[in-house]
Amino acid sequence: MNRRQFLLGALVPAAAVLAMPAGAESPAASGEDGRSLTGLLDEASGLAPLRTVLVAHKGRIVAERGYRGGAVTAPTNIKSASKVIVSALVGIAIERGLLEGPDQPIAPLLRGDLPDEPDPRIEEITIGHLLSMQAGLGRTSGANYGRWISSRNWVRAALAEPFVDDPGGRMLYSTGSTHLVSAILTRISGRSTMELARDWLGPLDGFAIAGWDRDPQGIYLGGNQMAMSPRSLLAFGELYRRGGRTVDGRRLVPADWITQSWQRRTRSRFTGDGYGYGWFLRRIGRHQVYYAWGYGGQMLYVVPALDLSVVMTSDATAPAGRTGHRDALHTLLGDIMARIEGDPETAD
């Protein structure tokens, strides 16, 4: 991708990537939870695309493992798992009064980039519709992704997609939608989304974005091509598990925004799973699981009922959905949950 090439190896010094979250113990499978997970993570090496697994239970890392050169402290492309980061920034922007709320129409915020003689339905699209993939505009992901990022202006190209459903209709997974969110955040704040993330989420111990692609106008790509270490992604998951507070109690993300983000608003036609504001929802065993999913199998799982957060990263160059790898990762999470509960019957 020439000037947009995503270079993971030379983004930041390794020491600057991530410190272990505050309150975490050495994650070398120590303690009762760690011992029970050791064999399971050994078996997980059979999943060829898998690169890392990290498990945090009750606020401490109880197990982590790297496979085939994967390192829990090294930046990796988390792909569409980054959509939950963008969603968090929206919630903070609303709390700070920069945005009115998820029902705010986007057309006045992006007026200069609307197509000539646009479909009148474009006035009905809200910020919430963008976050829940219900804008109604044609998809810019999947087979259309290459064409979209080859355009000269990604914001205008996303807004120029023809309507294939009404706003608020069925889920149409499209990274163009979250990129519009990134453009809105940039314009209403006068700062880049990278700056906002580092400022608003920077107080979270262990959180760091090592690199992030931008569009031809310099807007950071909302919902893809973001580099974070697995431990940093885990720190973010733990923030949501704690209701938006840091370990020392500082509020970063509004609790009601997390509730709204985890509310089912639509469902994926590919998986049947629910979808909120950037987060997928499914039940595994007896429990509700909220997860971020990036291409190839970049996963962040949060299971509030078990005080559990899990990160799994995988080879980012191969699909995870149609190959069955994503489902294998869900199964692995179920097995982790069973070990945590101490009841293998919950892993079905």
Protein backbone atom coordinates (compact mmCIF):
# COMPACT_ATOMS: atom_id res chain seq x y z
CA MET A 1 0.00 0.00 0.00
CA ASN A 2 3.00 2.31 -0.64
CA ARG A 3 2.79 5.32 1.71
CA ARG A 4 0.01 3.64 3.70
CA GLN A 5 2.07 0.50 4.24
CA PHE A 6 1.46 -0.87 7.73
CA LEU A 7 4.85 -1.42 9.32
CA LEU A 8 4.62 -3.22 12.62
CA GLY A 9 8.24 -3.91 13.33
CA ALA A 10 9.54 -0.35 13.61
CA LEU A 11 6.74 1.57 15.25
CA VAL A 12 7.98 2.21 18.77
CA PRO A 13 10.72 0.93 21.03
CA ALA A 14 9.69 -2.33 22.65
CA ALA A 15 9.94 -0.83 26.13
CA ALA A 16 7.39 1.82 25.21
CA VAL A 17 4.73 -0.61 24.06
CA LEU A 18 3.15 -1.73 27.29
CA ALA A 19 3.80 -2.20 30.93
CA MET A 20 2.02 -4.98 32.74
CA PRO A 21 -1.36 -3.72 34.02
CA ALA A 22 -1.30 -2.40 37.55
CA GLY A 23 -2.12 -5.08 40.07
CA ALA A 24 -1.18 -7.92 37.72
CA GLU A 25 1.05 -10.71 38.87
CA SER A 26 3.66 -12.49 36.80
CA PRO A 27 1.60 -14.27 34.13
CA ALA A 28 3.76 -17.39 33.85
CA ALA A 29 0.83 -19.67 34.65
CA SER A 30 1.18 -18.97 38.36
CA GLY A 31 -1.46 -19.79 40.92
CA GLU A 32 -4.41 -22.16 40.81
CA ASP A 33 -5.99 -20.59 37.72
CA GLY A 34 -2.68 -20.60 35.86
CA ARG A 35 -1.95 -24.25 36.62
CA SER A 36 -5.38 -25.31 35.39
CA LEU A 37 -4.85 -23.37 32.15
CA THR A 38 -1.33 -24.60 31.36
CA GLY A 39 -2.37 -27.81 29.66
CA LEU A 40 -5.14 -26.07 27.77
CA LEU A 41 -2.77 -23.47 26.35
CA ASP A 42 -0.35 -26.26 25.45
CA GLU A 43 -3.11 -27.90 23.42
CA ALA A 44 -3.98 -24.59 21.78
CA SER A 45 -0.66 -24.71 19.94
CA GLY A 46 -2.43 -27.02 17.51
CA LEU A 47 -4.34 -24.02 16.11
CA ALA A 48 -1.88 -23.11 13.36
CA PRO A 49 -2.86 -19.44 12.87
CA LEU A 50 -2.79 -18.69 16.63
CA ARG A 51 -0.04 -16.33 17.81
CA THR A 52 -0.88 -15.31 21.41
CA VAL A 53 -3.35 -16.02 24.20
CA LEU A 54 -3.67 -13.94 27.38
CA VAL A 55 -6.09 -14.58 30.23
CA ALA A 56 -6.92 -12.08 32.99
CA HIS A 57 -9.10 -13.24 35.88
CA LYS A 58 -10.24 -10.98 38.70
CA GLY A 59 -7.87 -8.25 37.63
CA ARG A 60 -4.64 -10.21 37.22
CA ILE A 61 -3.06 -12.03 34.30
CA VAL A 62 -3.18 -15.71 35.20
CA ALA A 63 -1.82 -17.15 31.94
CA GLU A 64 -0.34 -16.03 28.67
CA ARG A 65 1.39 -17.80 25.82
CA GLY A 66 3.05 -16.98 22.52
CA TYR A 67 3.07 -19.34 19.56
CA ARG A 68 5.21 -19.43 16.42
CA GLY A 69 7.05 -16.22 17.24
CA GLY A 70 4.08 -14.38 18.70
CA ALA A 71 4.95 -12.09 21.62
CA VAL A 72 2.46 -10.60 24.06
CA THR A 73 4.39 -7.30 24.29
CA ALA A 74 4.99 -6.79 20.55
CA PRO A 75 2.69 -4.57 18.44
CA THR A 76 0.38 -6.50 16.16
CA ASN A 77 -2.28 -5.42 13.70
CA ILE A 78 -5.54 -5.90 15.58
CA LYS A 79 -7.57 -5.18 12.44
CA SER A 80 -11.29 -4.62 13.10
CA ALA A 81 -10.92 -5.28 16.82
CA SER A 82 -9.93 -1.60 16.81
CA LYS A 83 -13.58 -0.69 16.24
CA VAL A 84 -14.17 -0.96 19.99
CA ILE A 85 -11.47 1.67 20.57
CA VAL A 86 -13.26 4.05 18.20
CA SER A 87 -16.56 3.28 19.94
CA ALA A 88 -15.03 4.15 23.31
CA LEU A 89 -13.87 7.52 21.96
CA VAL A 90 -17.43 8.30 20.91
CA GLY A 91 -18.72 7.59 24.40
CA ILE A 92 -16.10 9.89 25.90
CA ALA A 93 -16.82 12.60 23.32
CA ILE A 94 -20.51 12.48 24.27
CA GLU A 95 -19.68 12.81 27.96
CA ARG A 96 -17.43 15.79 27.21
CA GLY A 97 -20.16 17.53 25.25
CA LEU A 98 -18.44 17.30 21.87
CA LEU A 99 -21.22 15.09 20.52
CA GLU A 100 -24.89 15.13 21.43
CA GLY A 101 -25.39 11.37 21.57
CA PRO A 102 -25.80 8.29 19.39
CA ASP A 103 -29.01 9.70 17.85
CA GLN A 104 -27.21 12.74 16.46
CA PRO A 105 -27.48 12.94 12.63
CA ILE A 106 -24.16 12.81 10.82
CA ALA A 107 -25.04 14.86 7.71
CA PRO A 108 -24.52 18.27 9.38
CA LEU A 109 -21.16 17.09 10.68
CA LEU A 110 -19.96 15.89 7.27
CA ARG A 111 -21.85 18.32 5.03
CA GLY A 112 -18.84 19.22 2.90
CA ASP A 113 -18.25 15.59 1.96
CA LEU A 114 -21.80 14.63 1.01
CA PRO A 115 -22.35 13.68 -2.63
CA ASP A 116 -24.07 16.08 -5.01
CA GLU A 117 -27.84 15.54 -4.91
CA PRO A 118 -27.60 12.85 -2.21
CA ASP A 119 -30.31 10.34 -1.42
CA PRO A 120 -32.55 12.09 1.17
CA ARG A 121 -32.03 9.14 3.52
CA ILE A 122 -28.50 10.33 4.19
CA GLU A 123 -30.04 12.93 6.52
CA GLU A 124 -31.43 10.09 8.67
CA ILE A 125 -28.11 8.37 9.40
CA THR A 126 -26.99 8.80 13.00
CA ILE A 127 -23.75 8.21 14.83
CA GLY A 128 -25.36 5.18 16.43
CA HIS A 129 -26.20 3.79 13.00
CA LEU A 130 -22.54 4.05 12.01
CA LEU A 131 -21.39 2.26 15.16
CA SER A 132 -23.96 -0.54 14.84
CA MET A 133 -23.40 -1.00 11.09
CA GLN A 134 -26.95 0.07 10.28
CA ALA A 135 -26.27 3.13 8.11
CA GLY A 136 -27.93 1.50 5.11
CA LEU A 137 -25.09 2.50 2.77
CA GLY A 138 -23.35 -0.08 0.60
CA ARG A 139 -20.53 -1.96 2.30
CA THR A 140 -16.89 -0.90 2.00
CA SER A 141 -15.61 -4.11 3.61
CA GLY A 142 -15.11 -7.56 2.16
CA ALA A 143 -14.84 -7.59 -1.62
CA ASN A 144 -15.33 -3.80 -1.73
CA TYR A 145 -12.52 -2.91 0.67
CA GLY A 146 -9.73 -2.64 -1.91
CA ARG A 147 -11.77 -0.37 -4.17
CA TRP A 148 -12.66 1.85 -1.23
CA ILE A 149 -9.12 2.38 0.06
CA SER A 150 -7.92 3.00 -3.49
CA SER A 151 -10.18 6.05 -3.69
CA ARG A 152 -8.75 9.54 -3.30
CA ASN A 153 -11.05 10.49 -0.44
CA TRP A 154 -12.27 7.67 1.80
CA VAL A 155 -14.86 9.77 3.63
CA ARG A 156 -16.51 10.96 0.43
CA ALA A 157 -16.33 7.50 -1.10
CA ALA A 158 -18.06 5.93 1.91
CA LEU A 159 -20.80 8.58 1.85
CA ALA A 160 -21.26 8.11 -1.90
CA GLU A 161 -22.09 4.40 -1.59
CA PRO A 162 -25.65 3.73 -2.77
CA PHE A 163 -28.26 2.86 -0.17
CA VAL A 164 -29.05 -0.86 -0.01
CA ASP A 165 -31.30 -0.53 3.05
CA ASP A 166 -32.86 2.22 5.12
CA PRO A 167 -30.89 3.70 8.03
CA GLY A 168 -31.59 1.57 11.09
CA GLY A 169 -32.22 -1.50 8.95
CA ARG A 170 -30.20 -4.69 8.71
CA MET A 171 -26.55 -4.96 9.69
CA LEU A 172 -24.19 -4.14 6.80
CA TYR A 173 -20.68 -4.62 8.15
CA SER A 174 -18.60 -1.79 6.72
CA THR A 175 -15.34 -0.29 7.91
CA GLY A 176 -16.32 2.83 5.99
CA SER A 177 -18.95 3.46 8.67
CA THR A 178 -16.44 3.54 11.52
CA HIS A 179 -14.09 5.59 9.36
CA LEU A 180 -16.84 8.21 9.12
CA VAL A 181 -16.91 8.16 12.93
CA SER A 182 -13.17 8.83 12.98
CA ALA A 183 -13.67 11.75 10.60
CA ILE A 184 -16.45 13.15 12.79
CA LEU A 185 -14.34 12.90 15.94
CA THR A 186 -11.48 14.66 14.15
CA ARG A 187 -13.66 17.51 12.95
CA ILE A 188 -15.65 18.18 16.10
CA SER A 189 -12.54 18.11 18.31
CA GLY A 190 -9.97 19.68 16.01
CA ARG A 191 -7.62 16.83 16.98
CA SER A 192 -6.76 13.51 15.37
CA THR A 193 -8.31 10.33 16.70
CA MET A 194 -4.80 9.17 17.59
CA GLU A 195 -4.37 12.25 19.79
CA LEU A 196 -7.79 11.70 21.36
CA ALA A 197 -7.03 8.05 22.10
CA ARG A 198 -3.68 8.86 23.67
CA ASP A 199 -5.18 11.67 25.74
CA TRP A 200 -8.49 10.13 26.80
CA LEU A 201 -7.34 6.52 27.21
CA GLY A 202 -3.68 7.21 27.99
CA PRO A 203 -4.23 7.24 31.77
CA LEU A 204 -5.06 3.53 31.53
CA ASP A 205 -1.96 1.70 32.72
CA GLY A 206 -0.67 -0.47 29.92
CA PHE A 207 -2.69 1.13 27.11
CA ALA A 208 -0.77 2.17 24.00
CA ILE A 209 -1.47 2.45 20.29
CA ALA A 210 1.83 1.81 18.57
CA GLY A 211 0.75 2.68 15.04
CA TRP A 212 -2.33 3.44 12.99
CA ASP A 213 -2.88 3.95 9.25
CA ARG A 214 -4.37 7.17 7.89
CA ASP A 215 -6.38 8.01 4.79
CA PRO A 216 -5.15 10.40 2.03
CA GLN A 217 -6.52 13.37 4.01
CA GLY A 218 -4.65 12.30 7.15
CA ILE A 219 -7.67 10.93 9.05
CA TYR A 220 -6.85 7.84 11.07
CA LEU A 221 -8.61 4.79 9.72
CA GLY A 222 -11.59 4.20 11.96
CA GLY A 223 -11.84 0.49 12.57
CA ASN A 224 -8.81 -1.13 10.94
CA GLN A 225 -5.03 -1.13 10.61
CA MET A 226 -4.23 -0.31 14.22
CA ALA A 227 -1.18 -1.74 16.01
CA MET A 228 -1.43 -2.66 19.67
CA SER A 229 0.32 -5.27 21.72
CA PRO A 230 -1.86 -8.12 23.02
CA ARG A 231 -1.23 -6.92 26.57
CA SER A 232 -2.37 -3.43 25.65
CA LEU A 233 -5.57 -4.79 24.12
CA LEU A 234 -6.10 -6.81 27.28
CA ALA A 235 -5.71 -3.65 29.38
CA PHE A 236 -8.49 -2.06 27.33
CA GLY A 237 -10.71 -5.10 27.82
CA GLU A 238 -10.13 -4.93 31.55
CA LEU A 239 -11.16 -1.25 31.51
CA TYR A 240 -14.53 -2.25 30.09
CA ARG A 241 -14.84 -5.18 32.49
CA ARG A 242 -14.36 -2.74 35.37
CA GLY A 243 -17.16 -0.54 34.04
CA GLY A 244 -14.88 2.10 32.50
CA ARG A 245 -12.60 2.70 35.48
CA THR A 246 -8.87 2.22 35.85
CA VAL A 247 -7.48 0.00 38.61
CA ASP A 248 -7.13 3.04 40.87
CA GLY A 249 -10.76 4.05 40.24
CA ARG A 250 -10.35 6.83 37.69
CA ARG A 251 -13.32 7.06 35.33
CA LEU A 252 -12.28 7.01 31.64
CA VAL A 253 -15.29 5.60 29.79
CA PRO A 254 -18.85 6.36 30.97
CA ALA A 255 -20.47 3.28 32.48
CA ASP A 256 -23.73 3.95 30.67
CA TRP A 257 -21.84 4.04 27.36
CA ILE A 258 -20.51 0.55 28.02
CA THR A 259 -24.06 -0.58 28.74
CA GLN A 260 -25.26 0.98 25.49
CA SER A 261 -22.36 -0.50 23.54
CA TRP A 262 -23.14 -3.98 24.85
CA GLN A 263 -26.85 -3.74 24.01
CA ARG A 264 -27.89 -5.84 21.04
CA ARG A 265 -29.02 -3.55 18.22
CA THR A 266 -28.76 -5.89 15.25
CA ARG A 267 -27.21 -9.23 14.37
CA SER A 268 -24.63 -10.52 11.96
CA ARG A 269 -26.01 -12.48 9.03
CA PHE A 270 -22.69 -14.30 8.87
CA THR A 271 -22.59 -15.60 12.45
CA GLY A 272 -26.01 -14.91 13.95
CA ASP A 273 -24.29 -13.11 16.82
CA GLY A 274 -25.69 -9.86 18.14
CA TYR A 275 -23.94 -6.56 17.55
CA GLY A 276 -23.92 -3.35 19.58
CA TYR A 277 -21.66 -0.35 19.15
CA GLY A 278 -18.53 -2.06 17.79
CA TRP A 279 -18.96 -5.16 19.99
CA PHE A 280 -20.30 -8.58 19.06
CA LEU A 281 -22.48 -10.46 21.58
CA ARG A 282 -22.93 -14.21 22.02
CA ARG A 283 -23.55 -16.73 24.77
CA ILE A 284 -20.87 -19.33 25.46
CA GLY A 285 -21.80 -21.96 27.97
CA ARG A 286 -23.95 -20.27 30.60
CA HIS A 287 -22.59 -16.78 30.17
CA GLN A 288 -22.95 -13.68 28.05
CA VAL A 289 -19.74 -12.82 26.20
CA TYR A 290 -18.90 -9.49 24.57
CA TYR A 291 -16.15 -9.56 21.99
CA ALA A 292 -14.23 -7.57 19.42
CA TRP A 293 -13.23 -9.44 16.28
CA GLY A 294 -10.55 -8.51 13.77
CA TYR A 295 -9.70 -10.20 10.48
CA GLY A 296 -7.62 -13.33 10.86
CA GLY A 297 -8.69 -13.94 14.45
CA GLN A 298 -7.70 -10.89 16.49
CA MET A 299 -10.03 -11.30 19.47
CA LEU A 300 -10.82 -9.47 22.68
CA TYR A 301 -13.35 -11.24 24.91
CA VAL A 302 -14.94 -9.83 28.06
CA VAL A 303 -17.04 -12.09 30.32
CA PRO A 304 -18.26 -9.88 33.18
CA ALA A 305 -19.98 -12.68 35.09
CA LEU A 306 -16.65 -14.49 35.45
CA ASP A 307 -14.47 -11.38 35.98
CA LEU A 308 -12.66 -12.57 32.87
CA SER A 309 -10.94 -10.88 29.93
CA VAL A 310 -9.14 -12.83 27.22
CA VAL A 311 -7.10 -11.74 24.20
CA MET A 312 -6.18 -14.00 21.30
CA THR A 313 -4.20 -12.86 18.28
CA SER A 314 -3.62 -14.80 15.09
CA ASP A 315 -2.01 -14.64 11.68
CA ALA A 316 -3.48 -11.44 10.25
CA THR A 317 -3.04 -12.47 6.61
CA ALA A 318 -5.62 -15.26 6.43
CA PRO A 319 -9.39 -15.20 7.00
CA ALA A 320 -10.78 -16.67 10.21
CA GLY A 321 -14.49 -16.91 9.44
CA ARG A 322 -14.77 -19.28 6.50
CA THR A 323 -11.78 -21.35 7.60
CA GLY A 324 -13.32 -22.25 10.95
CA HIS A 325 -10.52 -20.58 12.93
CA ARG A 326 -12.86 -18.02 14.51
CA ASP A 327 -15.12 -20.81 15.74
CA ALA A 328 -12.08 -22.64 17.11
CA LEU A 329 -11.18 -19.51 19.08
CA HIS A 330 -14.71 -19.34 20.50
CA THR A 331 -14.33 -22.97 21.54
CA LEU A 332 -10.99 -22.22 23.17
CA LEU A 333 -12.62 -19.38 25.10
CA GLY A 334 -15.32 -21.79 26.26
CA ASP A 335 -12.65 -24.15 27.52
CA ILE A 336 -10.91 -21.29 29.34
CA MET A 337 -14.21 -20.32 30.93
CA ALA A 338 -14.73 -23.91 32.05
CA ARG A 339 -11.29 -24.00 33.67
CA ILE A 340 -12.04 -20.73 35.44
CA GLU A 341 -15.35 -22.06 36.70
CA GLY A 342 -13.86 -25.45 37.52
CA ASP A 343 -16.67 -27.20 35.69
CA PRO A 344 -15.86 -28.80 32.30
CA GLU A 345 -19.58 -29.20 31.59
CA THR A 346 -19.88 -25.46 30.90
CA ALA A 347 -17.61 -25.64 27.86
CA ASP A 348 -20.19 -27.13 25.47
